[in-house]
């Protein structure tokens, strides 16, 4: 929750958030995998706003293989309605091995970590939307660069990155 994240950052603890969340689950489709597309949801800005408020660094990370290990059933109309009613796409049913079990497929995963984006002393007080947008763009540019830099060695050289 936002309160837990804020509390941890106030104590200067490190936390890890994966900003794609439910939105990215809806973008992760069999068609994208078959067409060698890494589809990322870049519309979330709350994690950037939180980092700016607490002088926390933003560190771009990516896990090659995660999207191939497990996926969600894809029923866009029903899940869109579930998102409106419940705030997340229902039904949510992860599938992995044999195409119906919620057990991840055995795939090679490669975790890459980029350079921290420092926010300390750049923002004073509550960040403006312009400041949030600037760091949001900086984060997702760094994330795309990180993916492009490591995709060949991770075995994803033919994949395109889309936001």
Protein backbone atom coordinates (compact mmCIF):
# COMPACT_ATOMS: atom_id res chain seq x y z
CA UNK A 1 0.00 0.00 0.00
CA UNK A 2 1.03 3.61 -0.40
CA UNK A 3 1.21 4.06 3.39
CA UNK A 4 3.58 1.09 3.81
CA UNK A 5 5.85 2.29 0.99
CA UNK A 6 5.90 5.81 2.41
CA UNK A 7 6.66 4.50 5.91
CA UNK A 8 9.56 2.38 4.64
CA UNK A 9 11.03 5.28 2.66
CA UNK A 10 10.76 7.61 5.67
CA UNK A 11 12.90 5.09 7.56
CA UNK A 12 15.39 5.18 4.63
CA UNK A 13 14.74 1.48 3.87
CA UNK A 14 15.18 0.09 0.38
CA UNK A 15 12.09 -1.23 -1.33
CA UNK A 16 11.43 -2.75 -4.72
CA UNK A 17 8.37 -1.92 -6.76
CA UNK A 18 7.53 -3.30 -10.16
CA UNK A 19 5.62 -0.43 -11.74
CA UNK A 20 3.87 -2.40 -14.53
CA UNK A 21 1.43 -4.17 -12.24
CA UNK A 22 -2.08 -5.04 -13.38
CA UNK A 23 -1.82 -2.76 -16.42
CA UNK A 24 1.13 -4.74 -17.73
CA UNK A 25 -0.66 -8.03 -17.19
CA UNK A 26 -3.31 -6.86 -19.64
CA UNK A 27 -0.63 -5.95 -22.20
CA UNK A 28 1.13 -9.30 -21.85
CA UNK A 29 -0.53 -11.44 -24.50
CA UNK A 30 0.40 -14.56 -26.45
CA UNK A 31 0.36 -12.43 -29.62
CA UNK A 32 3.07 -10.14 -28.22
CA UNK A 33 5.22 -13.11 -27.22
CA UNK A 34 4.77 -14.73 -30.62
CA UNK A 35 5.74 -11.45 -32.32
CA UNK A 36 8.81 -10.95 -30.08
CA UNK A 37 7.48 -7.84 -28.36
CA UNK A 38 8.31 -6.84 -24.79
CA UNK A 39 5.26 -4.74 -23.91
CA UNK A 40 5.67 -2.53 -20.84
CA UNK A 41 3.13 -0.28 -19.16
CA UNK A 42 4.69 3.16 -18.81
CA UNK A 43 1.71 5.17 -17.62
CA UNK A 44 2.18 4.71 -13.86
CA UNK A 45 3.71 7.73 -12.12
CA UNK A 46 2.92 7.20 -8.44
CA UNK A 47 6.20 5.39 -7.78
CA UNK A 48 8.11 8.36 -9.24
CA UNK A 49 6.12 10.84 -7.15
CA UNK A 50 6.81 8.76 -4.02
CA UNK A 51 10.55 8.59 -4.77
CA UNK A 52 10.70 12.36 -5.26
CA UNK A 53 8.85 13.04 -1.99
CA UNK A 54 11.27 10.84 -0.04
CA UNK A 55 14.54 11.58 -1.87
CA UNK A 56 14.74 7.92 -2.93
CA UNK A 57 16.70 6.76 -5.94
CA UNK A 58 14.90 5.20 -8.90
CA UNK A 59 16.70 2.09 -10.13
CA UNK A 60 15.55 0.62 -13.45
CA UNK A 61 15.47 -3.20 -13.44
CA UNK A 62 14.18 -5.83 -15.82
CA UNK A 63 13.77 -9.60 -15.67
CA UNK A 64 14.16 -11.25 -19.08
CA UNK A 65 12.06 -14.42 -19.14
CA UNK A 66 9.47 -13.39 -16.57
CA UNK A 67 6.85 -12.78 -19.24
CA UNK A 68 7.47 -16.21 -20.76
CA UNK A 69 7.24 -18.08 -17.45
CA UNK A 70 3.59 -17.33 -16.77
CA UNK A 71 0.81 -15.36 -18.40
CA UNK A 72 -2.76 -14.40 -17.67
CA UNK A 73 -5.75 -15.66 -19.60
CA UNK A 74 -6.73 -12.94 -22.06
CA UNK A 75 -10.39 -11.90 -22.02
CA UNK A 76 -10.12 -8.13 -22.66
CA UNK A 77 -13.83 -7.20 -22.57
CA UNK A 78 -14.61 -9.12 -19.38
CA UNK A 79 -11.35 -8.08 -17.71
CA UNK A 80 -11.94 -4.44 -18.69
CA UNK A 81 -15.30 -4.59 -16.94
CA UNK A 82 -13.66 -6.24 -13.92
CA UNK A 83 -11.11 -3.43 -13.85
CA UNK A 84 -13.89 -0.80 -13.79
CA UNK A 85 -15.82 -2.56 -11.03
CA UNK A 86 -13.00 -3.92 -8.84
CA UNK A 87 -9.96 -1.83 -9.84
CA UNK A 88 -8.06 -4.76 -11.35
CA UNK A 89 -8.74 -7.12 -14.25
CA UNK A 90 -10.99 -10.03 -13.32
CA UNK A 91 -10.90 -12.87 -14.04
CA UNK A 92 -7.22 -13.15 -13.24
CA UNK A 93 -6.00 -16.66 -13.89
CA UNK A 94 -2.29 -17.18 -14.42
CA UNK A 95 -1.35 -20.04 -16.74
CA UNK A 96 2.02 -21.65 -17.24
CA UNK A 97 2.96 -25.24 -18.00
CA UNK A 98 0.67 -27.17 -20.34
CA UNK A 99 -1.25 -23.94 -21.01
CA UNK A 100 -3.69 -24.27 -18.15
CA UNK A 101 -1.88 -24.84 -14.86
CA UNK A 102 -0.91 -21.83 -12.70
CA UNK A 103 2.63 -23.20 -12.40
CA UNK A 104 5.39 -21.20 -14.12
CA UNK A 105 7.09 -22.67 -17.17
CA UNK A 106 10.75 -23.53 -16.81
CA UNK A 107 12.53 -20.73 -18.65
CA UNK A 108 15.91 -19.05 -18.38
CA UNK A 109 15.64 -15.74 -16.53
CA UNK A 110 18.18 -12.95 -16.57
CA UNK A 111 17.79 -10.06 -14.13
CA UNK A 112 19.46 -6.79 -15.11
CA UNK A 113 19.86 -3.73 -12.91
CA UNK A 114 20.60 -0.25 -14.19
CA UNK A 115 22.30 2.75 -12.67
CA UNK A 116 20.36 4.58 -9.94
CA UNK A 117 18.64 7.81 -10.91
CA UNK A 118 19.34 10.23 -8.11
CA UNK A 119 16.51 12.46 -6.96
CA UNK A 120 18.06 13.78 -3.75
CA UNK A 121 18.38 17.57 -3.51
CA UNK A 122 16.84 18.04 -6.96
CA UNK A 123 13.32 18.56 -5.66
CA UNK A 124 12.31 20.56 -2.62
CA UNK A 125 8.82 20.25 -1.16
CA UNK A 126 5.99 18.58 -3.02
CA UNK A 127 7.06 17.66 -6.57
CA UNK A 128 5.25 19.39 -9.42
CA UNK A 129 3.70 17.40 -12.26
CA UNK A 130 6.45 18.74 -14.52
CA UNK A 131 9.10 17.33 -12.18
CA UNK A 132 7.27 14.00 -11.93
CA UNK A 133 7.00 13.84 -15.74
CA UNK A 134 10.71 14.63 -16.14
CA UNK A 135 11.85 11.84 -13.78
CA UNK A 136 9.22 9.45 -15.18
CA UNK A 137 10.62 9.99 -18.67
CA UNK A 138 14.17 9.62 -17.36
CA UNK A 139 13.26 6.31 -15.64
CA UNK A 140 11.55 4.76 -18.66
CA UNK A 141 14.26 5.95 -21.03
CA UNK A 142 16.84 4.29 -18.76
CA UNK A 143 14.69 1.14 -18.58
CA UNK A 144 14.41 0.91 -22.37
CA UNK A 145 18.17 1.50 -22.72
CA UNK A 146 18.83 -1.21 -20.13
CA UNK A 147 16.66 -3.71 -22.02
CA UNK A 148 18.31 -2.83 -25.34
CA UNK A 149 21.79 -3.12 -23.84
CA UNK A 150 21.24 -6.61 -22.38
CA UNK A 151 18.65 -8.26 -24.63
CA UNK A 152 21.17 -10.03 -26.88
CA UNK A 153 23.14 -11.65 -24.05
CA UNK A 154 19.86 -12.63 -22.35
CA UNK A 155 18.63 -14.38 -25.51
CA UNK A 156 16.06 -11.78 -26.56
CA UNK A 157 18.00 -10.11 -29.36
CA UNK A 158 15.09 -10.15 -31.83
CA UNK A 159 12.60 -8.63 -29.37
CA UNK A 160 11.34 -5.07 -29.69
CA UNK A 161 10.48 -3.00 -26.63
CA UNK A 162 7.17 -1.17 -26.61
CA UNK A 163 5.67 1.19 -24.00
